Amino acid sequence: MDCPYCGAYNPEGRTTCWRCDRELPKPKPKKKRDPQQTAKLWLYIALAIFFVITILQTCGFRLPGSPQPPQSPQQQGPSGHLMPSRPPIVWQMERPWWL
């Protein structure tokens, strides 16, 4: 630590300056972070983002980068309105008599 009065370097643990013989200020204790508290904070943030996205998608909002739902082709009805198309007809053949 440097002396605030004369600028001389003093090793840690000294209470007075070796050059000017004045009392050195006491070092301030550093705050330690609690890793468990930090992990809880990030968990709460992730859960909040998940719930907001889920609610938005439930309400019909599409987020950028999300896959688009498949769209069925639509046909125009006799009155000019769009009508949903019918499912395709699948023809099945009967088994031949020899099988």
C-alpha atoms as a PDB file:
ATOM      1  CA  MET A   1       0.000   0.000   0.000  1.00  0.00           C
ATOM      2  CA  ASP A   2       1.274   3.485  -0.803  1.00  0.00           C
ATOM      3  CA  CYS A   3       1.251   6.125   1.921  1.00  0.00           C
ATOM      4  CA  PRO A   4      -1.353   8.821   1.118  1.00  0.00           C
ATOM      5  CA  TYR A   5       0.910  11.506   2.686  1.00  0.00           C
ATOM      6  CA  CYS A   6       4.397  10.854   1.264  1.00  0.00           C
ATOM      7  CA  GLY A   7       3.726   8.217  -1.442  1.00  0.00           C
ATOM      8  CA  ALA A   8       6.219   5.659  -0.058  1.00  0.00           C
ATOM      9  CA  TYR A   9       5.411   1.976  -0.503  1.00  0.00           C
ATOM     10  CA  ASN A  10       4.564   0.115   2.705  1.00  0.00           C
ATOM     11  CA  PRO A  11       4.059  -3.658   2.812  1.00  0.00           C
ATOM     12  CA  GLU A  12       0.711  -5.073   3.877  1.00  0.00           C
ATOM     13  CA  GLY A  13       0.170  -5.342   7.603  1.00  0.00           C
ATOM     14  CA  ARG A  14       1.966  -2.119   8.585  1.00  0.00           C
ATOM     15  CA  THR A  15       0.009   0.455  10.569  1.00  0.00           C
ATOM     16  CA  THR A  16       2.449   3.398  10.233  1.00  0.00           C
ATOM     17  CA  CYS A  17       4.496   4.646   7.281  1.00  0.00           C
ATOM     18  CA  TRP A  18       8.232   3.842   7.512  1.00  0.00           C
ATOM     19  CA  ARG A  19       9.224   7.178   5.934  1.00  0.00           C
ATOM     20  CA  CYS A  20       6.909   9.845   7.435  1.00  0.00           C
ATOM     21  CA  ASP A  21       5.825   7.867  10.537  1.00  0.00           C
ATOM     22  CA  ARG A  22       2.140   8.729  10.014  1.00  0.00           C
ATOM     23  CA  GLU A  23      -0.662   6.273  10.556  1.00  0.00           C
ATOM     24  CA  LEU A  24      -1.783   4.430   7.400  1.00  0.00           C
ATOM     25  CA  PRO A  25      -5.492   4.053   6.603  1.00  0.00           C
ATOM     26  CA  LYS A  26      -6.937   0.654   7.366  1.00  0.00           C
ATOM     27  CA  PRO A  27      -7.565  -1.496   4.273  1.00  0.00           C
ATOM     28  CA  LYS A  28     -11.218  -1.917   3.363  1.00  0.00           C
ATOM     29  CA  PRO A  29     -12.428  -5.518   3.384  1.00  0.00           C
ATOM     30  CA  LYS A  30     -13.438  -6.781  -0.052  1.00  0.00           C
ATOM     31  CA  LYS A  31     -16.933  -8.130  -0.485  1.00  0.00           C
ATOM     32  CA  LYS A  32     -17.041 -11.739  -1.533  1.00  0.00           C
ATOM     33  CA  ARG A  33     -19.683 -12.912  -3.948  1.00  0.00           C
ATOM     34  CA  ASP A  34     -21.813 -15.850  -2.974  1.00  0.00           C
ATOM     35  CA  PRO A  35     -21.785 -18.264  -5.959  1.00  0.00           C
ATOM     36  CA  GLN A  36     -25.011 -19.910  -4.805  1.00  0.00           C
ATOM     37  CA  GLN A  37     -26.805 -16.546  -4.747  1.00  0.00           C
ATOM     38  CA  THR A  38     -25.506 -15.743  -8.243  1.00  0.00           C
ATOM     39  CA  ALA A  39     -26.684 -19.128  -9.539  1.00  0.00           C
ATOM     40  CA  LYS A  40     -30.157 -18.561  -8.067  1.00  0.00           C
ATOM     41  CA  LEU A  41     -30.363 -15.149  -9.749  1.00  0.00           C
ATOM     42  CA  TRP A  42     -29.518 -16.629 -13.179  1.00  0.00           C
ATOM     43  CA  LEU A  43     -32.025 -19.427 -12.630  1.00  0.00           C
ATOM     44  CA  TYR A  44     -34.799 -16.926 -11.861  1.00  0.00           C
ATOM     45  CA  ILE A  45     -33.888 -14.877 -14.941  1.00  0.00           C
ATOM     46  CA  ALA A  46     -33.947 -17.983 -17.183  1.00  0.00           C
ATOM     47  CA  LEU A  47     -37.317 -19.102 -15.777  1.00  0.00           C
ATOM     48  CA  ALA A  48     -38.815 -15.644 -16.276  1.00  0.00           C
ATOM     49  CA  ILE A  49     -37.660 -15.560 -19.910  1.00  0.00           C
ATOM     50  CA  PHE A  50     -39.035 -19.079 -20.481  1.00  0.00           C
ATOM     51  CA  PHE A  51     -42.458 -18.151 -19.087  1.00  0.00           C
ATOM     52  CA  VAL A  52     -42.644 -14.917 -21.078  1.00  0.00           C
ATOM     53  CA  ILE A  53     -41.807 -16.744 -24.329  1.00  0.00           C
ATOM     54  CA  THR A  54     -44.319 -19.494 -23.521  1.00  0.00           C
ATOM     55  CA  ILE A  55     -47.091 -16.982 -22.842  1.00  0.00           C
ATOM     56  CA  LEU A  56     -46.307 -15.053 -26.034  1.00  0.00           C
ATOM     57  CA  GLN A  57     -46.398 -18.221 -28.148  1.00  0.00           C
ATOM     58  CA  THR A  58     -49.632 -19.312 -26.488  1.00  0.00           C
ATOM     59  CA  CYS A  59     -51.202 -15.985 -27.416  1.00  0.00           C
ATOM     60  CA  GLY A  60     -50.198 -16.452 -31.055  1.00  0.00           C
ATOM     61  CA  PHE A  61     -47.098 -14.280 -31.326  1.00  0.00           C
ATOM     62  CA  ARG A  62     -44.311 -15.706 -33.437  1.00  0.00           C
ATOM     63  CA  LEU A  63     -40.811 -14.963 -32.238  1.00  0.00           C
ATOM     64  CA  PRO A  64     -37.989 -14.398 -34.744  1.00  0.00           C
ATOM     65  CA  GLY A  65     -36.259 -17.652 -35.578  1.00  0.00           C
ATOM     66  CA  SER A  66     -39.121 -19.887 -34.475  1.00  0.00           C
ATOM     67  CA  PRO A  67     -40.369 -22.457 -37.003  1.00  0.00           C
ATOM     68  CA  GLN A  68     -43.455 -21.558 -38.959  1.00  0.00           C
ATOM     69  CA  PRO A  69     -46.495 -23.798 -38.627  1.00  0.00           C
ATOM     70  CA  PRO A  70     -47.350 -25.802 -41.763  1.00  0.00           C
ATOM     71  CA  GLN A  71     -49.839 -23.999 -43.953  1.00  0.00           C
ATOM     72  CA  SER A  72     -52.456 -25.904 -45.885  1.00  0.00           C
ATOM     73  CA  PRO A  73     -53.344 -24.687 -49.368  1.00  0.00           C
ATOM     74  CA  GLN A  74     -56.589 -22.776 -49.471  1.00  0.00           C
ATOM     75  CA  GLN A  75     -59.175 -22.573 -52.211  1.00  0.00           C
ATOM     76  CA  GLN A  76     -61.541 -19.817 -53.151  1.00  0.00           C
ATOM     77  CA  GLY A  77     -65.176 -20.568 -52.524  1.00  0.00           C
ATOM     78  CA  PRO A  78     -68.127 -19.515 -54.695  1.00  0.00           C
ATOM     79  CA  SER A  79     -68.549 -16.254 -52.769  1.00  0.00           C
ATOM     80  CA  GLY A  80     -64.868 -15.346 -53.160  1.00  0.00           C
ATOM     81  CA  HIS A  81     -63.880 -16.202 -49.593  1.00  0.00           C
ATOM     82  CA  LEU A  82     -60.950 -18.476 -48.860  1.00  0.00           C
ATOM     83  CA  MET A  83     -61.953 -21.958 -47.819  1.00  0.00           C
ATOM     84  CA  PRO A  84     -59.711 -24.597 -46.269  1.00  0.00           C
ATOM     85  CA  SER A  85     -58.806 -27.384 -48.651  1.00  0.00           C
ATOM     86  CA  ARG A  86     -60.035 -30.929 -48.165  1.00  0.00           C
ATOM     87  CA  PRO A  87     -57.632 -33.677 -47.218  1.00  0.00           C
ATOM     88  CA  PRO A  88     -56.429 -35.647 -50.257  1.00  0.00           C
ATOM     89  CA  ILE A  89     -58.323 -38.793 -51.208  1.00  0.00           C
ATOM     90  CA  VAL A  90     -56.217 -41.898 -50.822  1.00  0.00           C
ATOM     91  CA  TRP A  91     -57.195 -44.804 -53.073  1.00  0.00           C
ATOM     92  CA  GLN A  92     -56.474 -48.231 -51.754  1.00  0.00           C
ATOM     93  CA  MET A  93     -56.260 -51.231 -54.031  1.00  0.00           C
ATOM     94  CA  GLU A  94     -57.758 -54.525 -53.078  1.00  0.00           C
ATOM     95  CA  ARG A  95     -55.390 -57.450 -52.730  1.00  0.00           C
ATOM     96  CA  PRO A  96     -55.154 -59.646 -55.782  1.00  0.00           C
ATOM     97  CA  TRP A  97     -56.822 -63.077 -55.538  1.00  0.00           C
ATOM     98  CA  TRP A  98     -53.488 -64.871 -55.663  1.00  0.00           C
ATOM     99  CA  LEU A  99     -52.105 -63.254 -52.470  1.00  0.00           C
END
